[in-house]
Amino acid sequence: MRDPRADLLSTVANEMATAGGALENRKLFDLARAAEQTILKVLDEVKPGRNLRTNVEFFTALVLQALGLEPRSFVATFACGRVAGWCAHVIEQHAEDHLIRPQSEYVGPRDLKVEGRS
């Protein structure tokens, strides 16, 4: 099952793409929808039974684009919306004197170097 917030944001993104009259927003939404369908099909084939679905950020990006925000601002905007939840987790863990640790462990390479970034 997909996050219900993603369903709502998908609807909002569609309405904004239609209402704004900007052809590029409509084309971008249609492209995103087509990409989503292809990606979900591939995920179902490659990761059967995992029920992987599009997340909230996928459609949030379309809404932010329709609002006129620059794509370079998207990550900071996403983070601003998450800060309250992150703070709530810290406060809860501190109050319970219990650190909640992830149940998964990163097993990828640890010594990669990224070059050419400024």
C-alpha atoms as a PDB file:
ATOM      1  CA  MET A   1       0.000   0.000   0.000  1.00  0.00           C
ATOM      2  CA  ARG A   2       1.291   3.447  -0.888  1.00  0.00           C
ATOM      3  CA  ASP A   3       1.631   6.230   1.664  1.00  0.00           C
ATOM      4  CA  PRO A   4      -1.726   8.089   1.635  1.00  0.00           C
ATOM      5  CA  ARG A   5       0.182  11.391   1.608  1.00  0.00           C
ATOM      6  CA  ALA A   6       1.643  10.398  -1.758  1.00  0.00           C
ATOM      7  CA  ASP A   7      -1.891   9.811  -3.084  1.00  0.00           C
ATOM      8  CA  LEU A   8      -2.980  13.248  -1.889  1.00  0.00           C
ATOM      9  CA  LEU A   9       0.105  14.974  -3.286  1.00  0.00           C
ATOM     10  CA  SER A  10      -0.364  13.172  -6.602  1.00  0.00           C
ATOM     11  CA  THR A  11      -3.869  14.624  -6.820  1.00  0.00           C
ATOM     12  CA  VAL A  12      -2.646  18.108  -5.878  1.00  0.00           C
ATOM     13  CA  ALA A  13       0.203  17.929  -8.408  1.00  0.00           C
ATOM     14  CA  ASN A  14      -2.246  16.895 -11.124  1.00  0.00           C
ATOM     15  CA  GLU A  15      -4.627  19.745 -10.254  1.00  0.00           C
ATOM     16  CA  MET A  16      -1.789  22.278 -10.186  1.00  0.00           C
ATOM     17  CA  ALA A  17      -0.460  21.038 -13.514  1.00  0.00           C
ATOM     18  CA  THR A  18      -3.908  21.437 -15.037  1.00  0.00           C
ATOM     19  CA  ALA A  19      -4.975  24.686 -13.365  1.00  0.00           C
ATOM     20  CA  GLY A  20      -1.803  26.687 -13.856  1.00  0.00           C
ATOM     21  CA  GLY A  21      -2.066  26.729 -17.608  1.00  0.00           C
ATOM     22  CA  ALA A  22       1.695  26.223 -17.867  1.00  0.00           C
ATOM     23  CA  LEU A  23       2.223  23.579 -20.509  1.00  0.00           C
ATOM     24  CA  GLU A  24       5.598  22.586 -19.027  1.00  0.00           C
ATOM     25  CA  ASN A  25       3.918  21.657 -15.697  1.00  0.00           C
ATOM     26  CA  ARG A  26       1.383  19.458 -17.516  1.00  0.00           C
ATOM     27  CA  LYS A  27       4.131  17.787 -19.548  1.00  0.00           C
ATOM     28  CA  LEU A  28       6.252  17.272 -16.440  1.00  0.00           C
ATOM     29  CA  PHE A  29       3.344  15.702 -14.533  1.00  0.00           C
ATOM     30  CA  ASP A  30       2.516  13.402 -17.455  1.00  0.00           C
ATOM     31  CA  LEU A  31       6.183  12.399 -17.755  1.00  0.00           C
ATOM     32  CA  ALA A  32       6.376  11.743 -14.000  1.00  0.00           C
ATOM     33  CA  ARG A  33       3.220   9.611 -14.137  1.00  0.00           C
ATOM     34  CA  ALA A  34       4.609   7.555 -17.021  1.00  0.00           C
ATOM     35  CA  ALA A  35       7.963   7.167 -15.255  1.00  0.00           C
ATOM     36  CA  GLU A  36       6.186   6.117 -12.060  1.00  0.00           C
ATOM     37  CA  GLN A  37       4.203   3.405 -13.849  1.00  0.00           C
ATOM     38  CA  THR A  38       7.336   2.060 -15.564  1.00  0.00           C
ATOM     39  CA  ILE A  39       9.359   2.120 -12.336  1.00  0.00           C
ATOM     40  CA  LEU A  40       6.624   0.357 -10.367  1.00  0.00           C
ATOM     41  CA  LYS A  41       6.378  -2.337 -13.040  1.00  0.00           C
ATOM     42  CA  VAL A  42      10.143  -2.901 -12.992  1.00  0.00           C
ATOM     43  CA  LEU A  43      10.236  -2.923  -9.168  1.00  0.00           C
ATOM     44  CA  ASP A  44       7.475  -5.538  -9.087  1.00  0.00           C
ATOM     45  CA  GLU A  45       9.506  -7.686 -11.494  1.00  0.00           C
ATOM     46  CA  VAL A  46      12.900  -7.195  -9.835  1.00  0.00           C
ATOM     47  CA  LYS A  47      11.724  -7.123  -6.203  1.00  0.00           C
ATOM     48  CA  PRO A  48       8.611  -9.326  -6.160  1.00  0.00           C
ATOM     49  CA  GLY A  49       6.578  -9.243  -2.992  1.00  0.00           C
ATOM     50  CA  ARG A  50       8.300  -6.108  -1.646  1.00  0.00           C
ATOM     51  CA  ASN A  51       5.333  -3.827  -2.505  1.00  0.00           C
ATOM     52  CA  LEU A  52       7.607  -0.827  -3.158  1.00  0.00           C
ATOM     53  CA  ARG A  53       5.666   2.328  -4.006  1.00  0.00           C
ATOM     54  CA  THR A  54       6.286   5.953  -4.889  1.00  0.00           C
ATOM     55  CA  ASN A  55       7.108   8.074  -1.867  1.00  0.00           C
ATOM     56  CA  VAL A  56       5.901  11.503  -0.766  1.00  0.00           C
ATOM     57  CA  GLU A  57       8.901  13.374  -2.170  1.00  0.00           C
ATOM     58  CA  PHE A  58       8.179  12.192  -5.720  1.00  0.00           C
ATOM     59  CA  PHE A  59       4.976  14.218  -5.927  1.00  0.00           C
ATOM     60  CA  THR A  60       6.132  16.975  -3.592  1.00  0.00           C
ATOM     61  CA  ALA A  61       8.769  17.827  -6.181  1.00  0.00           C
ATOM     62  CA  LEU A  62       6.052  18.293  -8.811  1.00  0.00           C
ATOM     63  CA  VAL A  63       4.057  20.565  -6.487  1.00  0.00           C
ATOM     64  CA  LEU A  64       7.128  22.652  -5.666  1.00  0.00           C
ATOM     65  CA  GLN A  65       7.942  22.907  -9.376  1.00  0.00           C
ATOM     66  CA  ALA A  66       4.397  24.102 -10.121  1.00  0.00           C
ATOM     67  CA  LEU A  67       4.735  26.680  -7.327  1.00  0.00           C
ATOM     68  CA  GLY A  68       7.780  28.084  -9.090  1.00  0.00           C
ATOM     69  CA  LEU A  69      10.516  26.942  -6.715  1.00  0.00           C
ATOM     70  CA  GLU A  70      13.904  26.216  -8.210  1.00  0.00           C
ATOM     71  CA  PRO A  71      14.842  22.515  -8.125  1.00  0.00           C
ATOM     72  CA  ARG A  72      18.029  23.373  -6.214  1.00  0.00           C
ATOM     73  CA  SER A  73      15.760  24.463  -3.320  1.00  0.00           C
ATOM     74  CA  PHE A  74      13.826  21.186  -3.134  1.00  0.00           C
ATOM     75  CA  VAL A  75      16.135  19.327  -0.718  1.00  0.00           C
ATOM     76  CA  ALA A  76      16.179  22.193   1.789  1.00  0.00           C
ATOM     77  CA  THR A  77      12.392  22.508   1.507  1.00  0.00           C
ATOM     78  CA  PHE A  78      11.946  18.758   2.111  1.00  0.00           C
ATOM     79  CA  ALA A  79      14.246  18.955   5.135  1.00  0.00           C
ATOM     80  CA  CYS A  80      12.341  21.903   6.634  1.00  0.00           C
ATOM     81  CA  GLY A  81       9.192  19.822   6.585  1.00  0.00           C
ATOM     82  CA  ARG A  82      10.947  16.978   8.407  1.00  0.00           C
ATOM     83  CA  VAL A  83      12.706  18.973  11.140  1.00  0.00           C
ATOM     84  CA  ALA A  84       9.726  18.860  13.526  1.00  0.00           C
ATOM     85  CA  GLY A  85       9.591  15.058  13.278  1.00  0.00           C
ATOM     86  CA  TRP A  86      13.336  14.698  13.763  1.00  0.00           C
ATOM     87  CA  CYS A  87      13.166  16.934  16.840  1.00  0.00           C
ATOM     88  CA  ALA A  88      10.220  14.945  18.202  1.00  0.00           C
ATOM     89  CA  HIS A  89      12.237  11.732  17.875  1.00  0.00           C
ATOM     90  CA  VAL A  90      15.192  13.264  19.727  1.00  0.00           C
ATOM     91  CA  ILE A  91      12.942  14.590  22.508  1.00  0.00           C
ATOM     92  CA  GLU A  92      11.178  11.229  22.838  1.00  0.00           C
ATOM     93  CA  GLN A  93      14.434   9.278  22.940  1.00  0.00           C
ATOM     94  CA  HIS A  94      15.910  11.669  25.483  1.00  0.00           C
ATOM     95  CA  ALA A  95      12.802  11.518  27.693  1.00  0.00           C
ATOM     96  CA  GLU A  96      12.816   7.714  27.650  1.00  0.00           C
ATOM     97  CA  ASP A  97      16.605   7.569  28.012  1.00  0.00           C
ATOM     98  CA  HIS A  98      16.593   5.141  25.127  1.00  0.00           C
ATOM     99  CA  LEU A  99      18.333   5.514  21.779  1.00  0.00           C
ATOM    100  CA  ILE A 100      16.330   4.022  18.933  1.00  0.00           C
ATOM    101  CA  ARG A 101      18.731   2.317  16.558  1.00  0.00           C
ATOM    102  CA  PRO A 102      17.949   1.310  12.988  1.00  0.00           C
ATOM    103  CA  GLN A 103      17.336  -2.390  12.464  1.00  0.00           C
ATOM    104  CA  SER A 104      19.337  -2.467   9.255  1.00  0.00           C
ATOM    105  CA  GLU A 105      23.056  -2.277   8.699  1.00  0.00           C
ATOM    106  CA  TYR A 106      24.845  -0.634   5.776  1.00  0.00           C
ATOM    107  CA  VAL A 107      26.912  -3.249   3.956  1.00  0.00           C
ATOM    108  CA  GLY A 108      28.142  -1.209   0.972  1.00  0.00           C
ATOM    109  CA  PRO A 109      31.602   0.192   0.291  1.00  0.00           C
ATOM    110  CA  ARG A 110      32.930   2.589   2.917  1.00  0.00           C
ATOM    111  CA  ASP A 111      35.954   4.138   1.266  1.00  0.00           C
ATOM    112  CA  LEU A 112      34.539   5.707  -1.915  1.00  0.00           C
ATOM    113  CA  LYS A 113      35.930   9.067  -2.928  1.00  0.00           C
ATOM    114  CA  VAL A 114      33.831  11.587  -4.832  1.00  0.00           C
ATOM    115  CA  GLU A 115      35.773  13.781  -7.213  1.00  0.00           C
ATOM    116  CA  GLY A 116      34.780  16.792  -9.249  1.00  0.00           C
ATOM    117  CA  ARG A 117      32.245  18.187  -6.781  1.00  0.00           C
ATOM    118  CA  SER A 118      32.462  21.747  -5.592  1.00  0.00           C
END
